[in-house]
Amino acid sequence: FMNQLYSLSGGVHINNDEIKIRDVFVELGDGIATINGSIQRNNNATVLDITGRDQNLYELSQDFDLSPAPWLTMGMDTNIHLTGTLFPMVLSGELEINGHELSVSSGDIRTKDAMLSIPSTLLKGSVAFDKDHLVYDMQDWRLSDNPSRVYGDSRDSIGSVKGELSFQLPNETLIDYHFDQLDCSLLK
């Protein structure tokens, strides 16, 4: 598992008991992630709040070495709250993704035509990871034909998705999704 960071700036304050992370900015996934949090030095307890802006799922997949040719792309803003430990790395918490222009293909989305495109998506749920796996359970997954999400002015489908991604070769992925009602007119 490798990652690629293009720039990193911000504040880290270290005292006897705690490391405080304040407004650390990381260029990641064609956007910016802002990290705030703390690490207790005596027991390694970690709390992180990460806000991503103007990121792209395709680029994040490449920056974190998850796929050399991702099958999907989506512009997105994210909010993540994590707790756990860094050594060993075991973190879990809540995740919210506000996405736009989700596109999926049968191979590298940059070289193949999209088989599926959805204008707007919102995912909310839990996430947990360690050095080998990422597990997510998005109990609220909303697909919409209207990126502004004005109530009554869009067609929405509501479902859920959960899965597991292995960081170790062969990078196995398991995904399970469910929609009580899927408005197929959302799919382009």
Protein backbone atom coordinates (compact mmCIF):
# COMPACT_ATOMS: atom_id res chain seq x y z
CA PHE A 1 0.00 0.00 0.00
CA MET A 2 1.55 3.26 -1.15
CA ASN A 3 0.27 6.74 -1.55
CA GLN A 4 1.42 9.74 -3.48
CA LEU A 5 1.23 13.22 -1.95
CA TYR A 6 1.95 16.25 -4.09
CA SER A 7 2.11 18.85 -1.32
CA LEU A 8 1.59 18.99 2.42
CA SER A 9 1.37 22.09 4.61
CA GLY A 10 -0.13 23.05 7.94
CA GLY A 11 0.42 22.99 11.66
CA VAL A 12 1.43 20.24 14.04
CA HIS A 13 1.93 21.06 17.73
CA ILE A 14 3.66 18.51 19.95
CA ASN A 15 3.65 18.62 23.74
CA ASN A 16 4.36 15.99 26.40
CA ASP A 17 0.95 14.28 26.15
CA GLU A 18 -0.50 15.04 22.74
CA ILE A 19 0.20 15.76 19.09
CA LYS A 20 -2.30 18.28 17.72
CA ILE A 21 -2.91 18.49 13.99
CA ARG A 22 -4.36 21.82 12.84
CA ASP A 23 -5.35 22.67 9.29
CA VAL A 24 -2.90 20.35 7.55
CA PHE A 25 -3.60 20.73 3.83
CA VAL A 26 -2.80 17.85 1.47
CA GLU A 27 -3.15 17.92 -2.32
CA LEU A 28 -4.86 14.62 -3.00
CA GLY A 29 -7.14 13.25 -5.70
CA ASP A 30 -6.93 16.43 -7.82
CA GLY A 31 -8.28 18.40 -4.84
CA ILE A 32 -7.45 19.39 -1.29
CA ALA A 33 -7.88 17.46 1.95
CA THR A 34 -7.81 19.36 5.25
CA ILE A 35 -6.86 17.33 8.33
CA ASN A 36 -7.50 18.27 11.95
CA GLY A 37 -7.16 16.04 14.98
CA SER A 38 -5.05 14.74 17.80
CA ILE A 39 -2.91 11.77 18.79
CA GLN A 40 -2.41 10.93 22.48
CA ARG A 41 1.25 10.08 22.97
CA ASN A 42 0.74 7.76 25.97
CA ASN A 43 -1.84 5.38 24.41
CA ASN A 44 -1.79 6.30 20.71
CA ALA A 45 -5.52 7.21 20.77
CA THR A 46 -6.22 9.09 17.55
CA VAL A 47 -9.05 11.39 16.47
CA LEU A 48 -9.03 12.76 12.91
CA ASP A 49 -11.45 14.99 11.02
CA ILE A 50 -10.76 15.10 7.29
CA THR A 51 -12.55 17.34 4.83
CA GLY A 52 -11.98 16.77 1.11
CA ARG A 53 -12.88 19.38 -1.51
CA ASP A 54 -12.94 19.15 -5.30
CA GLN A 55 -11.49 15.64 -5.30
CA ASN A 56 -11.93 12.91 -7.90
CA LEU A 57 -12.41 9.23 -7.09
CA TYR A 58 -10.33 8.17 -10.12
CA GLU A 59 -7.35 10.24 -8.97
CA LEU A 60 -7.74 9.15 -5.33
CA SER A 61 -7.64 5.51 -6.49
CA GLN A 62 -4.36 6.21 -8.23
CA ASP A 63 -2.86 8.36 -5.47
CA PHE A 64 -3.47 5.54 -2.95
CA ASP A 65 -2.23 2.89 -5.39
CA LEU A 66 -5.60 1.09 -5.35
CA SER A 67 -5.86 0.72 -9.11
CA PRO A 68 -3.66 1.64 -12.07
CA ALA A 69 -6.78 1.98 -14.26
CA PRO A 70 -9.91 2.71 -12.17
CA TRP A 71 -13.25 1.70 -13.66
CA LEU A 72 -15.09 4.68 -12.22
CA THR A 73 -14.76 8.38 -11.70
CA MET A 74 -16.71 10.90 -9.66
CA GLY A 75 -16.08 14.45 -8.57
CA MET A 76 -16.68 14.74 -4.84
CA ASP A 77 -16.49 16.56 -1.54
CA THR A 78 -16.05 14.42 1.58
CA ASN A 79 -16.29 14.65 5.36
CA ILE A 80 -14.71 11.92 7.49
CA HIS A 81 -14.51 11.55 11.28
CA LEU A 82 -12.17 8.76 12.44
CA THR A 83 -11.06 7.40 15.81
CA GLY A 84 -8.69 4.59 16.71
CA THR A 85 -4.92 4.15 16.65
CA LEU A 86 -2.18 4.84 14.12
CA PHE A 87 0.24 2.20 15.44
CA PRO A 88 -1.06 -0.31 14.59
CA MET A 89 -3.27 1.49 12.09
CA VAL A 90 -6.86 0.69 13.05
CA LEU A 91 -9.27 3.58 12.39
CA SER A 92 -13.04 3.72 12.05
CA GLY A 93 -15.76 6.33 11.92
CA GLU A 94 -18.33 8.15 9.81
CA LEU A 95 -18.06 9.16 6.16
CA GLU A 96 -20.18 11.44 3.97
CA ILE A 97 -19.56 11.83 0.23
CA ASN A 98 -21.31 14.43 -1.92
CA GLY A 99 -20.58 13.30 -5.46
CA HIS A 100 -21.32 14.54 -8.94
CA GLU A 101 -20.99 12.98 -12.37
CA LEU A 102 -20.46 9.37 -11.28
CA SER A 103 -19.40 7.34 -14.33
CA VAL A 104 -18.63 3.62 -14.56
CA SER A 105 -17.09 1.66 -17.43
CA SER A 106 -15.93 -1.90 -18.12
CA GLY A 107 -12.28 -0.87 -17.80
CA ASP A 108 -10.19 2.27 -17.42
CA ILE A 109 -12.83 5.03 -17.43
CA ARG A 110 -10.37 7.44 -19.04
CA THR A 111 -9.99 5.22 -22.11
CA LYS A 112 -13.41 3.48 -22.34
CA ASP A 113 -16.91 4.85 -22.77
CA ALA A 114 -19.04 5.04 -19.64
CA MET A 115 -21.67 2.31 -19.36
CA LEU A 116 -23.41 4.14 -16.53
CA SER A 117 -23.54 7.84 -15.59
CA ILE A 118 -25.40 9.39 -12.68
CA PRO A 119 -25.48 13.20 -12.26
CA SER A 120 -25.53 13.34 -8.45
CA THR A 121 -24.96 10.96 -5.55
CA LEU A 122 -24.84 11.27 -1.76
CA LEU A 123 -23.40 8.54 0.45
CA LYS A 124 -23.48 8.46 4.26
CA GLY A 125 -22.29 5.68 6.50
CA SER A 126 -19.42 4.07 8.34
CA VAL A 127 -15.89 3.23 7.32
CA ALA A 128 -13.11 1.23 9.00
CA PHE A 129 -9.62 0.40 7.86
CA ASP A 130 -6.32 -1.06 8.89
CA LYS A 131 -3.09 -1.48 6.96
CA ASP A 132 -4.59 -4.31 4.85
CA HIS A 133 -8.33 -3.60 4.37
CA LEU A 134 -10.94 -0.91 3.94
CA VAL A 135 -14.50 -1.83 4.97
CA TYR A 136 -17.44 0.48 4.34
CA ASP A 137 -21.16 0.39 5.02
CA MET A 138 -23.02 3.29 3.43
CA GLN A 139 -26.52 2.90 4.87
CA ASP A 140 -27.76 5.96 2.95
CA TRP A 141 -26.98 6.11 -0.78
CA ARG A 142 -29.00 8.59 -2.80
CA LEU A 143 -28.85 8.87 -6.56
CA SER A 144 -30.36 11.96 -8.13
CA ASP A 145 -30.82 13.51 -11.55
CA ASN A 146 -30.47 16.99 -10.02
CA PRO A 147 -27.08 18.01 -8.56
CA SER A 148 -28.65 20.94 -6.67
CA ARG A 149 -30.89 18.47 -4.75
CA VAL A 150 -33.76 20.96 -4.55
CA TYR A 151 -36.59 19.13 -2.78
CA GLY A 152 -39.38 18.14 -5.16
CA ASP A 153 -37.32 19.19 -8.17
CA SER A 154 -35.52 15.90 -8.77
CA ARG A 155 -35.96 12.15 -9.21
CA ASP A 156 -34.16 10.24 -6.47
CA SER A 157 -33.41 6.61 -5.76
CA ILE A 158 -32.41 5.54 -2.26
CA GLY A 159 -30.36 2.48 -1.40
CA SER A 160 -27.29 1.23 0.41
CA VAL A 161 -23.88 -0.14 -0.48
CA LYS A 162 -21.29 -1.98 1.58
CA GLY A 163 -18.07 -3.65 0.75
CA GLU A 164 -14.47 -4.45 1.45
CA LEU A 165 -11.31 -3.53 -0.41
CA SER A 166 -8.01 -5.30 0.12
CA PHE A 167 -4.85 -3.20 -0.15
CA GLN A 168 -2.75 -6.33 -0.57
CA LEU A 169 -2.37 -7.98 -3.97
CA PRO A 170 -4.49 -9.10 -5.72
CA ASN A 171 -6.53 -6.09 -4.42
CA GLU A 172 -9.76 -8.07 -4.06
CA THR A 173 -12.95 -6.06 -3.80
CA LEU A 174 -16.35 -7.17 -2.51
CA ILE A 175 -19.39 -4.94 -3.08
CA ASP A 176 -23.02 -5.47 -2.11
CA TYR A 177 -25.65 -2.87 -2.96
CA HIS A 178 -29.40 -2.65 -2.53
CA PHE A 179 -32.11 -0.25 -3.72
CA ASP A 180 -35.71 -0.51 -2.55
CA GLN A 181 -36.67 1.39 -5.68
CA LEU A 182 -34.31 2.37 -8.45
CA ASP A 183 -35.53 4.98 -10.93
CA CYS A 184 -33.79 3.73 -14.07
CA SER A 185 -34.39 7.05 -15.80
CA LEU A 186 -31.54 8.37 -13.59
CA LEU A 187 -29.13 6.13 -15.48
CA LYS A 188 -27.66 7.52 -18.66
